[in-house]
Structure formats: structure tokens, C-alpha cells
Amino acid sequence: KAIARFAKLMPSLFPKGSDAGTKAAPEIWSDNAGFLKAAAALGDAGTKLAMAAKDGNADGVAAAAKDIGDACGGCHKTYRAK
């Protein structure tokens, strides 16, 4: 649940003009729609993980954990400066 909540908060951490002194890539601002989509994907994966854990669904937890890793990695690849 915390991952899903953070994913909703994440876009507000990078308002326009906040690019100085950050490890964020310029694409966060130039492709903000893509960044919002990436954050939403993380939130969806976090919600799926919480639901699978609540249901005791080990396979669902594993799949959602992979989705979280994919969402994090994909976002960092595009939106985090090297």
C-alpha cells in the first residue's frame, strides 16, 4: 500500500523548475506525460501486490513484485540522470 501511495505522491516531487541539483533527467519535465504514466504503473503494481498479499496469493505477490521491479527500472532508465 505504501508503494501505491508513494507512486501517487511521486509526480509532485518534481514540479516544473525543480531541475537544479537533482538526479532527475530532463525527460521528467520534457516528457511529463510519460513520467506520470510510469508513476501510475508503479502505483498499479503496488496495489496488485497489496491485494495479492492480503489474499495470501503467493504467485500474485511474485508477479506483482516483478511488475514493481520493472516499473522502477523502466522509470529510472528514462527519468533518472546517469
PDB file of N, CA and C in Angstrom:
ATOM      1  N   LYS A   1       0.829  -1.195   0.000  1.00  0.00           N
ATOM      2  CA  LYS A   1       0.000   0.000   0.000  1.00  0.00           C
ATOM      3  C   LYS A   1       0.865   1.247   0.000  1.00  0.00           C
ATOM      4  N   ALA A   2       1.999   1.185   0.696  1.00  0.00           N
ATOM      5  CA  ALA A   2       2.902   2.339   0.750  1.00  0.00           C
ATOM      6  C   ALA A   2       3.482   2.647  -0.628  1.00  0.00           C
ATOM      7  N   ILE A   3       3.782   1.617  -1.406  1.00  0.00           N
ATOM      8  CA  ILE A   3       4.310   1.835  -2.758  1.00  0.00           C
ATOM      9  C   ILE A   3       3.258   2.526  -3.613  1.00  0.00           C
ATOM     10  N   ALA A   4       2.026   2.095  -3.526  1.00  0.00           N
ATOM     11  CA  ALA A   4       0.946   2.722  -4.293  1.00  0.00           C
ATOM     12  C   ALA A   4       0.756   4.179  -3.869  1.00  0.00           C
ATOM     13  N   ARG A   5       0.816   4.448  -2.569  1.00  0.00           N
ATOM     14  CA  ARG A   5       0.675   5.839  -2.088  1.00  0.00           C
ATOM     15  C   ARG A   5       1.844   6.691  -2.577  1.00  0.00           C
ATOM     16  N   PHE A   6       3.068   6.151  -2.506  1.00  0.00           N
ATOM     17  CA  PHE A   6       4.230   6.910  -2.949  1.00  0.00           C
ATOM     18  C   PHE A   6       4.149   7.206  -4.444  1.00  0.00           C
ATOM     19  N   ALA A   7       3.667   6.256  -5.224  1.00  0.00           N
ATOM     20  CA  ALA A   7       3.560   6.466  -6.669  1.00  0.00           C
ATOM     21  C   ALA A   7       2.642   7.644  -6.990  1.00  0.00           C
ATOM     22  N   LYS A   8       1.593   7.821  -6.189  1.00  0.00           N
ATOM     23  CA  LYS A   8       0.703   8.966  -6.391  1.00  0.00           C
ATOM     24  C   LYS A   8       1.377  10.276  -5.986  1.00  0.00           C
ATOM     25  N   LEU A   9       2.223  10.219  -4.978  1.00  0.00           N
ATOM     26  CA  LEU A   9       2.933  11.396  -4.490  1.00  0.00           C
ATOM     27  C   LEU A   9       4.111  11.778  -5.381  1.00  0.00           C
ATOM     28  N   MET A  10       4.745  10.793  -5.976  1.00  0.00           N
ATOM     29  CA  MET A  10       5.999  10.986  -6.709  1.00  0.00           C
ATOM     30  C   MET A  10       5.968  12.146  -7.717  1.00  0.00           C
ATOM     31  N   PRO A  11       4.954  12.274  -8.565  1.00  0.00           N
ATOM     32  CA  PRO A  11       4.977  13.386  -9.526  1.00  0.00           C
ATOM     33  C   PRO A  11       5.051  14.767  -8.871  1.00  0.00           C
ATOM     34  N   SER A  12       4.492  14.904  -7.680  1.00  0.00           N
ATOM     35  CA  SER A  12       4.522  16.216  -7.017  1.00  0.00           C
ATOM     36  C   SER A  12       5.924  16.561  -6.510  1.00  0.00           C
ATOM     37  N   LEU A  13       6.815  15.593  -6.481  1.00  0.00           N
ATOM     38  CA  LEU A  13       8.182  15.845  -6.030  1.00  0.00           C
ATOM     39  C   LEU A  13       9.041  16.502  -7.101  1.00  0.00           C
ATOM     40  N   PHE A  14       8.508  16.584  -8.327  1.00  0.00           N
ATOM     41  CA  PHE A  14       9.260  17.133  -9.448  1.00  0.00           C
ATOM     42  C   PHE A  14       8.460  18.215 -10.180  1.00  0.00           C
ATOM     43  N   PRO A  15       8.093  19.296  -9.467  1.00  0.00           N
ATOM     44  CA  PRO A  15       7.346  20.361 -10.150  1.00  0.00           C
ATOM     45  C   PRO A  15       8.232  21.064 -11.176  1.00  0.00           C
ATOM     46  N   LYS A  16       7.601  21.686 -12.116  1.00  0.00           N
ATOM     47  CA  LYS A  16       8.332  22.439 -13.142  1.00  0.00           C
ATOM     48  C   LYS A  16       9.269  23.436 -12.460  1.00  0.00           C
ATOM     49  N   GLY A  17      10.516  23.468 -12.925  1.00  0.00           N
ATOM     50  CA  GLY A  17      11.502  24.375 -12.368  1.00  0.00           C
ATOM     51  C   GLY A  17      12.306  23.792 -11.220  1.00  0.00           C
ATOM     52  N   SER A  18      12.074  22.525 -10.898  1.00  0.00           N
ATOM     53  CA  SER A  18      12.794  21.921  -9.779  1.00  0.00           C
ATOM     54  C   SER A  18      13.968  21.067 -10.243  1.00  0.00           C
ATOM     55  N   ASP A  19      14.491  21.371 -11.411  1.00  0.00           N
ATOM     56  CA  ASP A  19      15.516  20.523 -12.001  1.00  0.00           C
ATOM     57  C   ASP A  19      16.938  20.795 -11.497  1.00  0.00           C
ATOM     58  N   ALA A  20      17.168  21.872 -10.779  1.00  0.00           N
ATOM     59  CA  ALA A  20      18.514  22.191 -10.300  1.00  0.00           C
ATOM     60  C   ALA A  20      18.907  21.278  -9.142  1.00  0.00           C
ATOM     61  N   GLY A  21      20.103  20.707  -9.224  1.00  0.00           N
ATOM     62  CA  GLY A  21      20.642  19.922  -8.125  1.00  0.00           C
ATOM     63  C   GLY A  21      19.934  18.604  -7.883  1.00  0.00           C
ATOM     64  N   THR A  22      19.399  18.000  -8.913  1.00  0.00           N
ATOM     65  CA  THR A  22      18.679  16.739  -8.762  1.00  0.00           C
ATOM     66  C   THR A  22      19.291  15.668  -9.647  1.00  0.00           C
ATOM     67  N   LYS A  23      19.040  14.427  -9.329  1.00  0.00           N
ATOM     68  CA  LYS A  23      19.488  13.321 -10.161  1.00  0.00           C
ATOM     69  C   LYS A  23      18.444  12.960 -11.212  1.00  0.00           C
ATOM     70  N   ALA A  24      17.393  13.742 -11.280  1.00  0.00           N
ATOM     71  CA  ALA A  24      16.353  13.503 -12.268  1.00  0.00           C
ATOM     72  C   ALA A  24      16.835  13.936 -13.644  1.00  0.00           C
ATOM     73  N   ALA A  25      16.449  13.167 -14.647  1.00  0.00           N
ATOM     74  CA  ALA A  25      16.778  13.514 -16.031  1.00  0.00           C
ATOM     75  C   ALA A  25      15.811  14.586 -16.528  1.00  0.00           C
ATOM     76  N   PRO A  26      16.228  15.381 -17.478  1.00  0.00           N
ATOM     77  CA  PRO A  26      15.343  16.432 -18.016  1.00  0.00           C
ATOM     78  C   PRO A  26      14.037  15.879 -18.591  1.00  0.00           C
ATOM     79  N   GLU A  27      14.032  14.606 -18.942  1.00  0.00           N
ATOM     80  CA  GLU A  27      12.827  13.999 -19.510  1.00  0.00           C
ATOM     81  C   GLU A  27      11.645  14.001 -18.546  1.00  0.00           C
ATOM     82  N   ILE A  28      11.906  14.097 -17.251  1.00  0.00           N
ATOM     83  CA  ILE A  28      10.783  14.189 -16.300  1.00  0.00           C
ATOM     84  C   ILE A  28       9.918  15.393 -16.651  1.00  0.00           C
ATOM     85  N   TRP A  29      10.546  16.469 -17.068  1.00  0.00           N
ATOM     86  CA  TRP A  29       9.806  17.690 -17.380  1.00  0.00           C
ATOM     87  C   TRP A  29       9.435  17.765 -18.857  1.00  0.00           C
ATOM     88  N   SER A  30      10.316  17.295 -19.738  1.00  0.00           N
ATOM     89  CA  SER A  30      10.008  17.395 -21.174  1.00  0.00           C
ATOM     90  C   SER A  30       9.023  16.312 -21.616  1.00  0.00           C
ATOM     91  N   ASP A  31       8.972  15.194 -20.914  1.00  0.00           N
ATOM     92  CA  ASP A  31       8.026  14.116 -21.192  1.00  0.00           C
ATOM     93  C   ASP A  31       7.238  13.816 -19.920  1.00  0.00           C
ATOM     94  N   ASN A  32       6.603  14.842 -19.398  1.00  0.00           N
ATOM     95  CA  ASN A  32       5.895  14.675 -18.136  1.00  0.00           C
ATOM     96  C   ASN A  32       4.770  13.658 -18.240  1.00  0.00           C
ATOM     97  N   ALA A  33       4.113  13.590 -19.383  1.00  0.00           N
ATOM     98  CA  ALA A  33       3.033  12.607 -19.549  1.00  0.00           C
ATOM     99  C   ALA A  33       3.585  11.186 -19.410  1.00  0.00           C
ATOM    100  N   GLY A  34       4.760  10.945 -19.960  1.00  0.00           N
ATOM    101  CA  GLY A  34       5.388   9.638 -19.825  1.00  0.00           C
ATOM    102  C   GLY A  34       5.773   9.341 -18.388  1.00  0.00           C
ATOM    103  N   PHE A  35       6.267  10.361 -17.688  1.00  0.00           N
ATOM    104  CA  PHE A  35       6.631  10.201 -16.289  1.00  0.00           C
ATOM    105  C   PHE A  35       5.393   9.890 -15.449  1.00  0.00           C
ATOM    106  N   LEU A  36       4.295  10.578 -15.714  1.00  0.00           N
ATOM    107  CA  LEU A  36       3.050  10.311 -14.994  1.00  0.00           C
ATOM    108  C   LEU A  36       2.556   8.891 -15.260  1.00  0.00           C
ATOM    109  N   LYS A  37       2.710   8.428 -16.492  1.00  0.00           N
ATOM    110  CA  LYS A  37       2.320   7.070 -16.850  1.00  0.00           C
ATOM    111  C   LYS A  37       3.188   6.050 -16.105  1.00  0.00           C
ATOM    112  N   ALA A  38       4.484   6.333 -16.016  1.00  0.00           N
ATOM    113  CA  ALA A  38       5.399   5.440 -15.298  1.00  0.00           C
ATOM    114  C   ALA A  38       5.047   5.390 -13.808  1.00  0.00           C
ATOM    115  N   ALA A  39       4.726   6.532 -13.230  1.00  0.00           N
ATOM    116  CA  ALA A  39       4.342   6.571 -11.820  1.00  0.00           C
ATOM    117  C   ALA A  39       3.042   5.796 -11.600  1.00  0.00           C
ATOM    118  N   ALA A  40       2.109   5.929 -12.534  1.00  0.00           N
ATOM    119  CA  ALA A  40       0.839   5.201 -12.420  1.00  0.00           C
ATOM    120  C   ALA A  40       1.066   3.689 -12.517  1.00  0.00           C
ATOM    121  N   ALA A  41       1.986   3.275 -13.374  1.00  0.00           N
ATOM    122  CA  ALA A  41       2.294   1.842 -13.496  1.00  0.00           C
ATOM    123  C   ALA A  41       2.852   1.306 -12.177  1.00  0.00           C
ATOM    124  N   LEU A  42       3.700   2.089 -11.538  1.00  0.00           N
ATOM    125  CA  LEU A  42       4.230   1.691 -10.237  1.00  0.00           C
ATOM    126  C   LEU A  42       3.101   1.585  -9.217  1.00  0.00           C
ATOM    127  N   GLY A  43       2.222   2.557  -9.220  1.00  0.00           N
ATOM    128  CA  GLY A  43       1.088   2.528  -8.294  1.00  0.00           C
ATOM    129  C   GLY A  43       0.196   1.324  -8.515  1.00  0.00           C
ATOM    130  N   ASP A  44      -0.078   1.004  -9.775  1.00  0.00           N
ATOM    131  CA  ASP A  44      -0.901  -0.169 -10.082  1.00  0.00           C
ATOM    132  C   ASP A  44      -0.241  -1.449  -9.576  1.00  0.00           C
ATOM    133  N   ALA A  45       1.070  -1.556  -9.800  1.00  0.00           N
ATOM    134  CA  ALA A  45       1.792  -2.745  -9.339  1.00  0.00           C
ATOM    135  C   ALA A  45       1.782  -2.831  -7.809  1.00  0.00           C
ATOM    136  N   GLY A  46       1.922  -1.702  -7.150  1.00  0.00           N
ATOM    137  CA  GLY A  46       1.870  -1.688  -5.692  1.00  0.00           C
ATOM    138  C   GLY A  46       0.516  -2.120  -5.163  1.00  0.00           C
ATOM    139  N   THR A  47      -0.537  -1.668  -5.807  1.00  0.00           N
ATOM    140  CA  THR A  47      -1.887  -2.063  -5.413  1.00  0.00           C
ATOM    141  C   THR A  47      -2.096  -3.560  -5.628  1.00  0.00           C
ATOM    142  N   LYS A  48      -1.623  -4.070  -6.772  1.00  0.00           N
ATOM    143  CA  LYS A  48      -1.752  -5.507  -7.044  1.00  0.00           C
ATOM    144  C   LYS A  48      -0.983  -6.327  -6.009  1.00  0.00           C
ATOM    145  N   LEU A  49       0.186  -5.845  -5.627  1.00  0.00           N
ATOM    146  CA  LEU A  49       0.976  -6.547  -4.616  1.00  0.00           C
ATOM    147  C   LEU A  49       0.225  -6.597  -3.281  1.00  0.00           C
ATOM    148  N   ALA A  50      -0.319  -5.470  -2.871  1.00  0.00           N
ATOM    149  CA  ALA A  50      -1.056  -5.428  -1.598  1.00  0.00           C
ATOM    150  C   ALA A  50      -2.265  -6.351  -1.628  1.00  0.00           C
ATOM    151  N   MET A  51      -2.974  -6.359  -2.740  1.00  0.00           N
ATOM    152  CA  MET A  51      -4.160  -7.218  -2.843  1.00  0.00           C
ATOM    153  C   MET A  51      -3.768  -8.690  -2.825  1.00  0.00           C
ATOM    154  N   ALA A  52      -2.710  -9.040  -3.553  1.00  0.00           N
ATOM    155  CA  ALA A  52      -2.271 -10.434  -3.581  1.00  0.00           C
ATOM    156  C   ALA A  52      -1.790 -10.881  -2.205  1.00  0.00           C
ATOM    157  N   ALA A  53      -1.074 -10.005  -1.511  1.00  0.00           N
ATOM    158  CA  ALA A  53      -0.598 -10.341  -0.171  1.00  0.00           C
ATOM    159  C   ALA A  53      -1.775 -10.541   0.783  1.00  0.00           C
ATOM    160  N   LYS A  54      -2.754  -9.664   0.695  1.00  0.00           N
ATOM    161  CA  LYS A  54      -3.936  -9.779   1.562  1.00  0.00           C
ATOM    162  C   LYS A  54      -4.677 -11.084   1.315  1.00  0.00           C
ATOM    163  N   ASP A  55      -4.711 -11.506   0.039  1.00  0.00           N
ATOM    164  CA  ASP A  55      -5.408 -12.739  -0.325  1.00  0.00           C
ATOM    165  C   ASP A  55      -4.571 -13.990  -0.068  1.00  0.00           C
ATOM    166  N   GLY A  56      -3.306 -13.808   0.313  1.00  0.00           N
ATOM    167  CA  GLY A  56      -2.434 -14.962   0.524  1.00  0.00           C
ATOM    168  C   GLY A  56      -2.033 -15.637  -0.772  1.00  0.00           C
ATOM    169  N   ASN A  57      -2.026 -14.888  -1.862  1.00  0.00           N
ATOM    170  CA  ASN A  57      -1.735 -15.404  -3.197  1.00  0.00           C
ATOM    171  C   ASN A  57      -0.236 -15.242  -3.499  1.00  0.00           C
ATOM    172  N   ALA A  58       0.531 -16.284  -3.223  1.00  0.00           N
ATOM    173  CA  ALA A  58       1.985 -16.206  -3.391  1.00  0.00           C
ATOM    174  C   ALA A  58       2.379 -15.944  -4.842  1.00  0.00           C
ATOM    175  N   ASP A  59       1.705 -16.573  -5.796  1.00  0.00           N
ATOM    176  CA  ASP A  59       2.021 -16.345  -7.203  1.00  0.00           C
ATOM    177  C   ASP A  59       1.708 -14.905  -7.601  1.00  0.00           C
ATOM    178  N   GLY A  60       0.608 -14.373  -7.086  1.00  0.00           N
ATOM    179  CA  GLY A  60       0.254 -12.979  -7.362  1.00  0.00           C
ATOM    180  C   GLY A  60       1.254 -12.016  -6.760  1.00  0.00           C
ATOM    181  N   VAL A  61       1.741 -12.328  -5.562  1.00  0.00           N
ATOM    182  CA  VAL A  61       2.764 -11.500  -4.923  1.00  0.00           C
ATOM    183  C   VAL A  61       4.028 -11.505  -5.772  1.00  0.00           C
ATOM    184  N   ALA A  62       4.437 -12.672  -6.225  1.00  0.00           N
ATOM    185  CA  ALA A  62       5.647 -12.770  -7.049  1.00  0.00           C
ATOM    186  C   ALA A  62       5.499 -11.986  -8.345  1.00  0.00           C
ATOM    187  N   ALA A  63       4.356 -12.117  -8.993  1.00  0.00           N
ATOM    188  CA  ALA A  63       4.131 -11.395 -10.254  1.00  0.00           C
ATOM    189  C   ALA A  63       4.114  -9.889 -10.026  1.00  0.00           C
ATOM    190  N   ALA A  64       3.448  -9.454  -8.971  1.00  0.00           N
ATOM    191  CA  ALA A  64       3.377  -8.021  -8.685  1.00  0.00           C
ATOM    192  C   ALA A  64       4.741  -7.475  -8.279  1.00  0.00           C
ATOM    193  N   ALA A  65       5.520  -8.248  -7.545  1.00  0.00           N
ATOM    194  CA  ALA A  65       6.866  -7.805  -7.171  1.00  0.00           C
ATOM    195  C   ALA A  65       7.723  -7.615  -8.413  1.00  0.00           C
ATOM    196  N   LYS A  66       7.576  -8.513  -9.387  1.00  0.00           N
ATOM    197  CA  LYS A  66       8.303  -8.363 -10.652  1.00  0.00           C
ATOM    198  C   LYS A  66       7.839  -7.094 -11.367  1.00  0.00           C
ATOM    199  N   ASP A  67       6.533  -6.859 -11.376  1.00  0.00           N
ATOM    200  CA  ASP A  67       5.998  -5.656 -12.017  1.00  0.00           C
ATOM    201  C   ASP A  67       6.536  -4.389 -11.345  1.00  0.00           C
ATOM    202  N   ILE A  68       6.675  -4.419 -10.028  1.00  0.00           N
ATOM    203  CA  ILE A  68       7.246  -3.273  -9.320  1.00  0.00           C
ATOM    204  C   ILE A  68       8.687  -3.056  -9.753  1.00  0.00           C
ATOM    205  N   GLY A  69       9.459  -4.120  -9.809  1.00  0.00           N
ATOM    206  CA  GLY A  69      10.843  -4.006 -10.255  1.00  0.00           C
ATOM    207  C   GLY A  69      10.947  -3.479 -11.672  1.00  0.00           C
ATOM    208  N   ASP A  70      10.076  -3.966 -12.547  1.00  0.00           N
ATOM    209  CA  ASP A  70      10.065  -3.492 -13.932  1.00  0.00           C
ATOM    210  C   ASP A  70       9.692  -2.013 -14.006  1.00  0.00           C
ATOM    211  N   ALA A  71       8.705  -1.612 -13.203  1.00  0.00           N
ATOM    212  CA  ALA A  71       8.270  -0.213 -13.199  1.00  0.00           C
ATOM    213  C   ALA A  71       9.387   0.696 -12.683  1.00  0.00           C
ATOM    214  N   CYS A  72      10.030   0.283 -11.608  1.00  0.00           N
ATOM    215  CA  CYS A  72      11.133   1.082 -11.051  1.00  0.00           C
ATOM    216  C   CYS A  72      12.274   1.188 -12.059  1.00  0.00           C
ATOM    217  N   GLY A  73      12.675   0.056 -12.598  1.00  0.00           N
ATOM    218  CA  GLY A  73      13.794   0.051 -13.541  1.00  0.00           C
ATOM    219  C   GLY A  73      13.498   0.845 -14.794  1.00  0.00           C
ATOM    220  N   GLY A  74      12.298   0.685 -15.314  1.00  0.00           N
ATOM    221  CA  GLY A  74      11.931   1.419 -16.519  1.00  0.00           C
ATOM    222  C   GLY A  74      11.903   2.919 -16.294  1.00  0.00           C
ATOM    223  N   CYS A  75      11.384   3.326 -15.158  1.00  0.00           N
ATOM    224  CA  CYS A  75      11.337   4.753 -14.840  1.00  0.00           C
ATOM    225  C   CYS A  75      12.746   5.305 -14.649  1.00  0.00           C
ATOM    226  N   HIS A  76      13.557   4.592 -13.899  1.00  0.00           N
ATOM    227  CA  HIS A  76      14.926   5.069 -13.666  1.00  0.00           C
ATOM    228  C   HIS A  76      15.719   5.122 -14.959  1.00  0.00           C
ATOM    229  N   LYS A  77      15.500   4.181 -15.849  1.00  0.00           N
ATOM    230  CA  LYS A  77      16.224   4.164 -17.130  1.00  0.00           C
ATOM    231  C   LYS A  77      15.939   5.436 -17.933  1.00  0.00           C
ATOM    232  N   THR A  78      14.707   5.861 -17.904  1.00  0.00           N
ATOM    233  CA  THR A  78      14.296   7.021 -18.714  1.00  0.00           C
ATOM    234  C   THR A  78      14.378   8.342 -17.967  1.00  0.00           C
ATOM    235  N   TYR A  79      14.013   8.352 -16.698  1.00  0.00           N
ATOM    236  CA  TYR A  79      13.809   9.608 -15.983  1.00  0.00           C
ATOM    237  C   TYR A  79      14.826   9.906 -14.884  1.00  0.00           C
ATOM    238  N   ARG A  80      15.868   9.103 -14.778  1.00  0.00           N
ATOM    239  CA  ARG A  80      16.913   9.377 -13.798  1.00  0.00           C
ATOM    240  C   ARG A  80      18.210   9.613 -14.560  1.00  0.00           C
ATOM    241  N   ALA A  81      18.884  10.707 -14.229  1.00  0.00           N
ATOM    242  CA  ALA A  81      20.146  11.037 -14.883  1.00  0.00           C
ATOM    243  C   ALA A  81      21.187   9.982 -14.537  1.00  0.00           C
ATOM    244  N   LYS A  82      22.040   9.722 -15.475  1.00  0.00           N
ATOM    245  CA  LYS A  82      23.077   8.688 -15.287  1.00  0.00           C
ATOM    246  C   LYS A  82      24.194   9.225 -14.432  1.00  0.00           C
TER     247      LYS A  82
END
